[in-house]
C-alpha atoms as a PDB file:
ATOM      1  CA  MET A   1       0.002   0.050   0.268  1.00  0.00           C
ATOM      2  CA  ASN A   2       1.465   3.385  -1.005  1.00  0.00           C
ATOM      3  CA  ARG A   3       1.284   5.968   1.763  1.00  0.00           C
ATOM      4  CA  PHE A   4       1.487   9.375   1.153  1.00  0.00           C
ATOM      5  CA  VAL A   5       4.162  10.894   3.932  1.00  0.00           C
ATOM      6  CA  ILE A   6       3.471  14.436   4.674  1.00  0.00           C
ATOM      7  CA  GLU A   7       6.581  16.125   7.470  1.00  0.00           C
ATOM      8  CA  VAL A   8       5.026  17.733  10.065  1.00  0.00           C
ATOM      9  CA  SER A   9       6.746  19.871  12.431  1.00  0.00           C
ATOM     10  CA  GLU A  10       7.114  19.457  15.893  1.00  0.00           C
ATOM     11  CA  GLY A  11       5.945  22.983  16.702  1.00  0.00           C
ATOM     12  CA  GLU A  12       2.994  22.328  14.393  1.00  0.00           C
ATOM     13  CA  ILE A  13       1.995  19.314  16.195  1.00  0.00           C
ATOM     14  CA  ARG A  14       2.230  21.370  19.469  1.00  0.00           C
ATOM     15  CA  ARG A  15      -0.368  24.355  17.569  1.00  0.00           C
ATOM     16  CA  GLU A  16      -2.667  21.667  16.416  1.00  0.00           C
ATOM     17  CA  LYS A  17      -3.142  19.710  19.973  1.00  0.00           C
ATOM     18  CA  GLU A  18      -3.585  22.904  21.949  1.00  0.00           C
ATOM     19  CA  LYS A  19      -6.263  23.514  18.946  1.00  0.00           C
ATOM     20  CA  GLY A  20      -8.060  20.303  20.275  1.00  0.00           C
ATOM     21  CA  ARG A  21      -7.707  21.328  23.707  1.00  0.00           C
ATOM     22  CA  GLU A  22      -9.891  24.762  22.846  1.00  0.00           C
ATOM     23  CA  LEU A  23     -12.338  22.994  20.926  1.00  0.00           C
ATOM     24  CA  ARG A  24     -13.002  20.235  23.607  1.00  0.00           C
ATOM     25  CA  ARG A  25     -14.099  23.262  25.768  1.00  0.00           C
ATOM     26  CA  THR A  26     -16.748  24.490  23.260  1.00  0.00           C
ATOM     27  CA  ARG A  27     -20.273  24.121  23.747  1.00  0.00           C
ATOM     28  CA  TRP A  28     -20.160  22.157  19.944  1.00  0.00           C
ATOM     29  CA  TRP A  29     -17.838  19.701  20.997  1.00  0.00           C
ATOM     30  CA  LYS A  30     -19.811  19.062  24.243  1.00  0.00           C
ATOM     31  CA  ASN A  31     -23.282  18.482  22.394  1.00  0.00           C
ATOM     32  CA  ARG A  32     -21.211  16.033  20.314  1.00  0.00           C
ATOM     33  CA  VAL A  33     -20.115  13.663  23.308  1.00  0.00           C
ATOM     34  CA  ALA A  34     -22.954  14.151  25.001  1.00  0.00           C
ATOM     35  CA  ARG A  35     -24.966  11.837  22.595  1.00  0.00           C
ATOM     36  CA  GLY A  36     -22.224   8.990  23.629  1.00  0.00           C
ATOM     37  CA  ARG A  37     -21.941   7.744  20.314  1.00  0.00           C
ATOM     38  CA  CYS A  38     -18.956   6.328  19.156  1.00  0.00           C
ATOM     39  CA  HIS A  39     -18.333   7.573  15.464  1.00  0.00           C
ATOM     40  CA  TYR A  40     -16.375   4.383  13.700  1.00  0.00           C
ATOM     41  CA  CYS A  41     -18.527   1.660  15.852  1.00  0.00           C
ATOM     42  CA  GLY A  42     -21.885   3.458  16.833  1.00  0.00           C
ATOM     43  CA  GLY A  43     -21.808   1.988  20.273  1.00  0.00           C
ATOM     44  CA  THR A  44     -23.383   4.131  23.229  1.00  0.00           C
ATOM     45  CA  PHE A  45     -20.948   5.472  25.742  1.00  0.00           C
ATOM     46  CA  SER A  46     -21.050   8.046  28.157  1.00  0.00           C
ATOM     47  CA  PRO A  47     -18.853  11.407  27.327  1.00  0.00           C
ATOM     48  CA  SER A  48     -16.009  10.595  29.935  1.00  0.00           C
ATOM     49  CA  GLU A  49     -15.486   7.252  27.986  1.00  0.00           C
ATOM     50  CA  LEU A  50     -15.248   9.335  24.528  1.00  0.00           C
ATOM     51  CA  THR A  51     -12.075  10.482  23.478  1.00  0.00           C
ATOM     52  CA  MET A  52     -11.571  13.189  20.381  1.00  0.00           C
ATOM     53  CA  ASP A  53     -10.333  11.610  17.167  1.00  0.00           C
ATOM     54  CA  HIS A  54      -8.954  13.466  14.250  1.00  0.00           C
ATOM     55  CA  LEU A  55      -9.784  11.622  11.305  1.00  0.00           C
ATOM     56  CA  VAL A  56      -6.344  12.860   9.470  1.00  0.00           C
ATOM     57  CA  PRO A  57      -4.268  12.407  11.949  1.00  0.00           C
ATOM     58  CA  ILE A  58      -2.451  15.528  13.062  1.00  0.00           C
ATOM     59  CA  ILE A  59       1.217  13.643  12.343  1.00  0.00           C
ATOM     60  CA  ARG A  60      -0.449  13.012   8.806  1.00  0.00           C
ATOM     61  CA  GLY A  61      -1.320  16.761   8.292  1.00  0.00           C
ATOM     62  CA  GLY A  62      -4.952  17.073   9.467  1.00  0.00           C
ATOM     63  CA  LYS A  63      -6.290  20.047  11.556  1.00  0.00           C
ATOM     64  CA  SER A  64      -8.145  20.785  15.342  1.00  0.00           C
ATOM     65  CA  THR A  65     -11.182  21.391  13.246  1.00  0.00           C
ATOM     66  CA  ARG A  66     -14.802  20.894  13.499  1.00  0.00           C
ATOM     67  CA  GLY A  67     -15.062  18.610  10.440  1.00  0.00           C
ATOM     68  CA  ASN A  68     -11.803  16.797  11.226  1.00  0.00           C
ATOM     69  CA  VAL A  69     -12.739  15.660  14.728  1.00  0.00           C
ATOM     70  CA  VAL A  70     -15.419  13.261  16.078  1.00  0.00           C
ATOM     71  CA  PRO A  71     -16.001  11.510  19.449  1.00  0.00           C
ATOM     72  CA  ALA A  72     -14.777   7.694  19.411  1.00  0.00           C
ATOM     73  CA  CYS A  73     -14.140   5.143  22.098  1.00  0.00           C
ATOM     74  CA  LYS A  74     -10.897   4.435  23.448  1.00  0.00           C
ATOM     75  CA  GLU A  75     -10.911   1.240  21.573  1.00  0.00           C
ATOM     76  CA  CYS A  76     -11.995   2.490  18.403  1.00  0.00           C
ATOM     77  CA  ASN A  77      -9.385   5.451  18.700  1.00  0.00           C
ATOM     78  CA  SER A  78      -6.638   3.096  20.068  1.00  0.00           C
ATOM     79  CA  ARG A  79      -7.210   0.533  16.868  1.00  0.00           C
ATOM     80  CA  LYS A  80      -7.142   3.836  14.519  1.00  0.00           C
ATOM     81  CA  LYS A  81      -3.826   5.528  15.524  1.00  0.00           C
ATOM     82  CA  TYR A  82      -2.755   6.972  12.645  1.00  0.00           C
ATOM     83  CA  LEU A  83      -4.595   5.411   9.960  1.00  0.00           C
ATOM     84  CA  LEU A  84      -6.453   8.048   7.445  1.00  0.00           C
ATOM     85  CA  PRO A  85     -10.098   7.044   6.930  1.00  0.00           C
ATOM     86  CA  LEU A  86      -9.264   5.303   3.647  1.00  0.00           C
ATOM     87  CA  GLU A  87      -6.710   3.072   5.238  1.00  0.00           C
ATOM     88  CA  TRP A  88      -9.587   2.637   8.618  1.00  0.00           C
ATOM     89  CA  GLU A  89     -11.748   1.292   5.832  1.00  0.00           C
ATOM     90  CA  GLU A  90      -9.267  -1.044   4.175  1.00  0.00           C
ATOM     91  CA  TYR A  91      -8.396  -2.261   8.203  1.00  0.00           C
ATOM     92  CA  LEU A  92     -11.921  -3.040   9.145  1.00  0.00           C
ATOM     93  CA  ASP A  93     -12.448  -4.802   5.701  1.00  0.00           C
ATOM     94  CA  SER A  94      -9.653  -6.909   6.563  1.00  0.00           C
ATOM     95  CA  VAL A  95     -10.774  -7.941  10.050  1.00  0.00           C
ATOM     96  CA  LYS A  96     -14.152  -8.879   8.459  1.00  0.00           C
ATOM     97  CA  GLU A  97     -12.812 -10.869   6.096  1.00  0.00           C
ATOM     98  CA  ASP A  98     -10.696 -12.790   8.540  1.00  0.00           C
ATOM     99  CA  LYS A  99     -14.033 -13.647  10.565  1.00  0.00           C
END
């Protein structure tokens, strides 16, 4: 699988993480997690069990913006790691094939 690699500086990563922390304090984000749904598995969780996941990870060039963050359960967030949406879909398809 060819992966497009983007060089992201440590400073840019720090700035985006700070933006993410600010975004978590907004009413918009609090409303998103209050719904209690994981974006990936669709499971129901308490707001404290949901984490902020970047669809396009910061380390892969993603930004901390409303259009790039979703609530995810800790298990899905840990499994997704630094995958792009297409790579995540490919991973899920391979898991289904293995079953």
